Amino acid sequence: MPNVYVEPEPKGRPEGSAITHYVLEYAHGARVTHIDYPTQAQAVSEAKSLGHKPLIARVRNTDKGNPDHWRPA
């Protein structure tokens, strides 16, 4: 299965604002599921149960094309 990205949301939030939930996305931006996960751990667990390899953001403002912004869960 492909890599999926555990994206914090809302996207484009100002510095210092809270993350409200996490979503699972493919590299091209389509969502894997239509569920908003309250914690990063729940999103990672769901991705693994679906057979994907989840990647977690290392930086606040992410770019899926930049591998330095992501680490394996």
N, C-alpha and C. Protein backbone atom coordinates (compact mmCIF):
# COMPACT_ATOMS: atom_id res chain seq x y z
N MET A 1 0.84 -1.19 0.00
CA MET A 1 0.00 0.00 0.00
C MET A 1 0.88 1.25 0.00
N PRO A 2 0.34 2.34 -0.50
CA PRO A 2 1.12 3.58 -0.58
C PRO A 2 1.28 4.25 0.77
N ASN A 3 2.21 5.21 0.79
CA ASN A 3 2.34 6.06 1.96
C ASN A 3 1.11 6.94 2.06
N VAL A 4 0.73 7.26 3.27
CA VAL A 4 -0.31 8.26 3.49
C VAL A 4 0.24 9.26 4.49
N TYR A 5 -0.28 10.46 4.41
CA TYR A 5 0.20 11.56 5.24
C TYR A 5 -0.81 11.87 6.33
N VAL A 6 -0.33 11.97 7.55
CA VAL A 6 -1.17 12.35 8.69
C VAL A 6 -1.05 13.87 8.78
N GLU A 7 -2.07 14.55 8.24
CA GLU A 7 -2.06 16.01 8.13
C GLU A 7 -2.78 16.66 9.30
N PRO A 8 -2.09 17.59 9.99
CA PRO A 8 -2.77 18.36 11.03
C PRO A 8 -3.67 19.40 10.36
N GLU A 9 -4.82 19.66 10.97
CA GLU A 9 -5.73 20.66 10.42
C GLU A 9 -6.21 21.59 11.51
N PRO A 10 -6.63 22.78 11.21
CA PRO A 10 -6.87 23.33 9.90
C PRO A 10 -5.56 23.73 9.22
N LYS A 11 -5.53 23.60 7.90
CA LYS A 11 -4.36 23.99 7.12
C LYS A 11 -4.30 25.51 7.02
N GLY A 12 -3.08 26.03 6.95
CA GLY A 12 -2.90 27.47 6.80
C GLY A 12 -3.21 28.25 8.06
N ARG A 13 -3.21 27.57 9.20
CA ARG A 13 -3.52 28.26 10.45
C ARG A 13 -2.35 29.15 10.87
N PRO A 14 -2.63 30.25 11.54
CA PRO A 14 -1.56 31.14 11.98
C PRO A 14 -0.67 30.48 13.04
N GLU A 15 0.55 30.94 13.12
CA GLU A 15 1.50 30.43 14.11
C GLU A 15 0.90 30.55 15.51
N GLY A 16 0.99 29.48 16.27
CA GLY A 16 0.50 29.47 17.64
C GLY A 16 -0.94 29.04 17.79
N SER A 17 -1.66 28.87 16.69
CA SER A 17 -3.05 28.42 16.81
C SER A 17 -3.09 26.90 16.96
N ALA A 18 -4.16 26.43 17.53
CA ALA A 18 -4.26 25.01 17.88
C ALA A 18 -4.61 24.14 16.68
N ILE A 19 -4.12 22.90 16.72
CA ILE A 19 -4.53 21.88 15.77
C ILE A 19 -5.85 21.32 16.30
N THR A 20 -6.87 21.28 15.45
CA THR A 20 -8.17 20.81 15.92
C THR A 20 -8.37 19.32 15.67
N HIS A 21 -7.73 18.78 14.61
CA HIS A 21 -7.86 17.36 14.29
C HIS A 21 -6.83 16.98 13.23
N TYR A 22 -6.80 15.70 12.90
CA TYR A 22 -5.87 15.17 11.89
C TYR A 22 -6.67 14.42 10.84
N VAL A 23 -6.15 14.42 9.60
CA VAL A 23 -6.77 13.67 8.52
C VAL A 23 -5.70 12.84 7.82
N LEU A 24 -6.13 11.80 7.12
CA LEU A 24 -5.22 10.97 6.33
C LEU A 24 -5.38 11.35 4.87
N GLU A 25 -4.25 11.67 4.21
CA GLU A 25 -4.28 12.07 2.81
C GLU A 25 -3.23 11.31 2.01
N TYR A 26 -3.56 11.08 0.73
CA TYR A 26 -2.58 10.57 -0.22
C TYR A 26 -1.71 11.74 -0.68
N ALA A 27 -0.63 11.44 -1.41
CA ALA A 27 0.30 12.47 -1.87
C ALA A 27 -0.37 13.52 -2.76
N HIS A 28 -1.37 13.12 -3.53
CA HIS A 28 -2.03 14.08 -4.42
C HIS A 28 -3.13 14.88 -3.72
N GLY A 29 -3.31 14.69 -2.43
CA GLY A 29 -4.23 15.50 -1.63
C GLY A 29 -5.58 14.90 -1.36
N ALA A 30 -5.94 13.80 -2.03
CA ALA A 30 -7.23 13.17 -1.76
C ALA A 30 -7.20 12.50 -0.39
N ARG A 31 -8.31 12.57 0.31
CA ARG A 31 -8.39 11.96 1.63
C ARG A 31 -8.55 10.45 1.52
N VAL A 32 -7.91 9.74 2.43
CA VAL A 32 -8.01 8.29 2.49
C VAL A 32 -9.35 7.90 3.09
N THR A 33 -9.72 8.56 4.16
CA THR A 33 -11.02 8.37 4.80
C THR A 33 -11.66 9.74 4.97
N HIS A 34 -12.92 9.77 5.30
CA HIS A 34 -13.60 11.05 5.53
C HIS A 34 -13.80 11.28 7.02
N ILE A 35 -12.88 10.77 7.81
CA ILE A 35 -12.95 10.88 9.27
C ILE A 35 -11.95 11.93 9.73
N ASP A 36 -12.37 12.78 10.67
CA ASP A 36 -11.46 13.71 11.34
C ASP A 36 -11.05 13.04 12.65
N TYR A 37 -9.76 12.76 12.79
CA TYR A 37 -9.24 12.07 13.98
C TYR A 37 -8.83 13.09 15.03
N PRO A 38 -9.30 12.92 16.26
CA PRO A 38 -8.97 13.89 17.31
C PRO A 38 -7.50 13.88 17.71
N THR A 39 -6.81 12.75 17.54
CA THR A 39 -5.39 12.68 17.90
C THR A 39 -4.59 12.09 16.74
N GLN A 40 -3.33 12.43 16.74
CA GLN A 40 -2.41 11.90 15.74
C GLN A 40 -2.28 10.39 15.88
N ALA A 41 -2.25 9.90 17.10
CA ALA A 41 -2.13 8.46 17.35
C ALA A 41 -3.29 7.68 16.75
N GLN A 42 -4.50 8.22 16.85
CA GLN A 42 -5.66 7.55 16.27
C GLN A 42 -5.58 7.51 14.75
N ALA A 43 -5.09 8.58 14.14
CA ALA A 43 -4.93 8.62 12.69
C ALA A 43 -3.88 7.61 12.23
N VAL A 44 -2.77 7.53 12.96
CA VAL A 44 -1.71 6.58 12.62
C VAL A 44 -2.23 5.15 12.75
N SER A 45 -2.94 4.87 13.82
CA SER A 45 -3.48 3.54 14.05
C SER A 45 -4.44 3.12 12.92
N GLU A 46 -5.29 4.03 12.50
CA GLU A 46 -6.24 3.75 11.42
C GLU A 46 -5.50 3.51 10.10
N ALA A 47 -4.48 4.32 9.81
CA ALA A 47 -3.71 4.15 8.58
C ALA A 47 -3.05 2.77 8.55
N LYS A 48 -2.47 2.36 9.67
CA LYS A 48 -1.83 1.05 9.73
C LYS A 48 -2.85 -0.08 9.59
N SER A 49 -4.03 0.10 10.19
CA SER A 49 -5.05 -0.95 10.09
C SER A 49 -5.57 -1.09 8.66
N LEU A 50 -5.47 -0.01 7.87
CA LEU A 50 -5.87 -0.06 6.47
C LEU A 50 -4.75 -0.56 5.57
N GLY A 51 -3.58 -0.84 6.16
CA GLY A 51 -2.45 -1.37 5.40
C GLY A 51 -1.54 -0.32 4.80
N HIS A 52 -1.68 0.93 5.21
CA HIS A 52 -0.84 2.01 4.69
C HIS A 52 0.39 2.21 5.57
N LYS A 53 1.34 2.96 5.04
CA LYS A 53 2.52 3.38 5.80
C LYS A 53 2.37 4.86 6.11
N PRO A 54 1.96 5.21 7.33
CA PRO A 54 1.71 6.61 7.65
C PRO A 54 3.00 7.40 7.84
N LEU A 55 2.97 8.65 7.37
CA LEU A 55 4.05 9.60 7.55
C LEU A 55 3.52 10.76 8.39
N ILE A 56 4.33 11.19 9.37
CA ILE A 56 3.95 12.25 10.30
C ILE A 56 4.77 13.50 9.99
N ALA A 57 4.13 14.65 10.09
CA ALA A 57 4.78 15.92 9.82
C ALA A 57 5.86 16.23 10.84
N ARG A 58 7.00 16.71 10.34
CA ARG A 58 8.09 17.18 11.20
C ARG A 58 8.02 18.69 11.40
N VAL A 59 7.31 19.38 10.51
CA VAL A 59 7.24 20.84 10.54
C VAL A 59 5.79 21.27 10.59
N ARG A 60 5.55 22.51 10.95
CA ARG A 60 4.19 23.02 11.07
C ARG A 60 3.53 23.21 9.70
N ASN A 61 4.24 23.81 8.76
CA ASN A 61 3.71 24.03 7.42
C ASN A 61 4.32 22.98 6.50
N THR A 62 3.51 22.04 6.08
CA THR A 62 4.00 20.88 5.36
C THR A 62 3.93 21.03 3.85
N ASP A 63 4.82 20.26 3.19
CA ASP A 63 4.84 20.15 1.74
C ASP A 63 5.07 18.68 1.44
N LYS A 64 4.09 18.02 0.84
CA LYS A 64 4.21 16.58 0.59
C LYS A 64 5.36 16.25 -0.36
N GLY A 65 5.80 17.21 -1.16
CA GLY A 65 6.90 16.98 -2.08
C GLY A 65 8.27 17.08 -1.43
N ASN A 66 8.33 17.50 -0.19
CA ASN A 66 9.60 17.67 0.51
C ASN A 66 9.75 16.57 1.56
N PRO A 67 10.60 15.56 1.30
CA PRO A 67 10.73 14.45 2.26
C PRO A 67 11.29 14.88 3.62
N ASP A 68 11.94 16.03 3.70
CA ASP A 68 12.45 16.52 4.99
C ASP A 68 11.32 16.93 5.93
N HIS A 69 10.12 17.13 5.40
CA HIS A 69 8.98 17.54 6.22
C HIS A 69 8.27 16.36 6.87
N TRP A 70 8.69 15.12 6.58
CA TRP A 70 7.94 13.94 7.03
C TRP A 70 8.85 12.88 7.63
N ARG A 71 8.29 12.11 8.57
CA ARG A 71 9.00 10.96 9.13
C ARG A 71 8.03 9.79 9.25
N PRO A 72 8.53 8.57 9.17
CA PRO A 72 7.63 7.42 9.32
C PRO A 72 7.06 7.33 10.73
N ALA A 73 5.84 6.87 10.84
CA ALA A 73 5.21 6.72 12.16
C ALA A 73 5.66 5.43 12.80
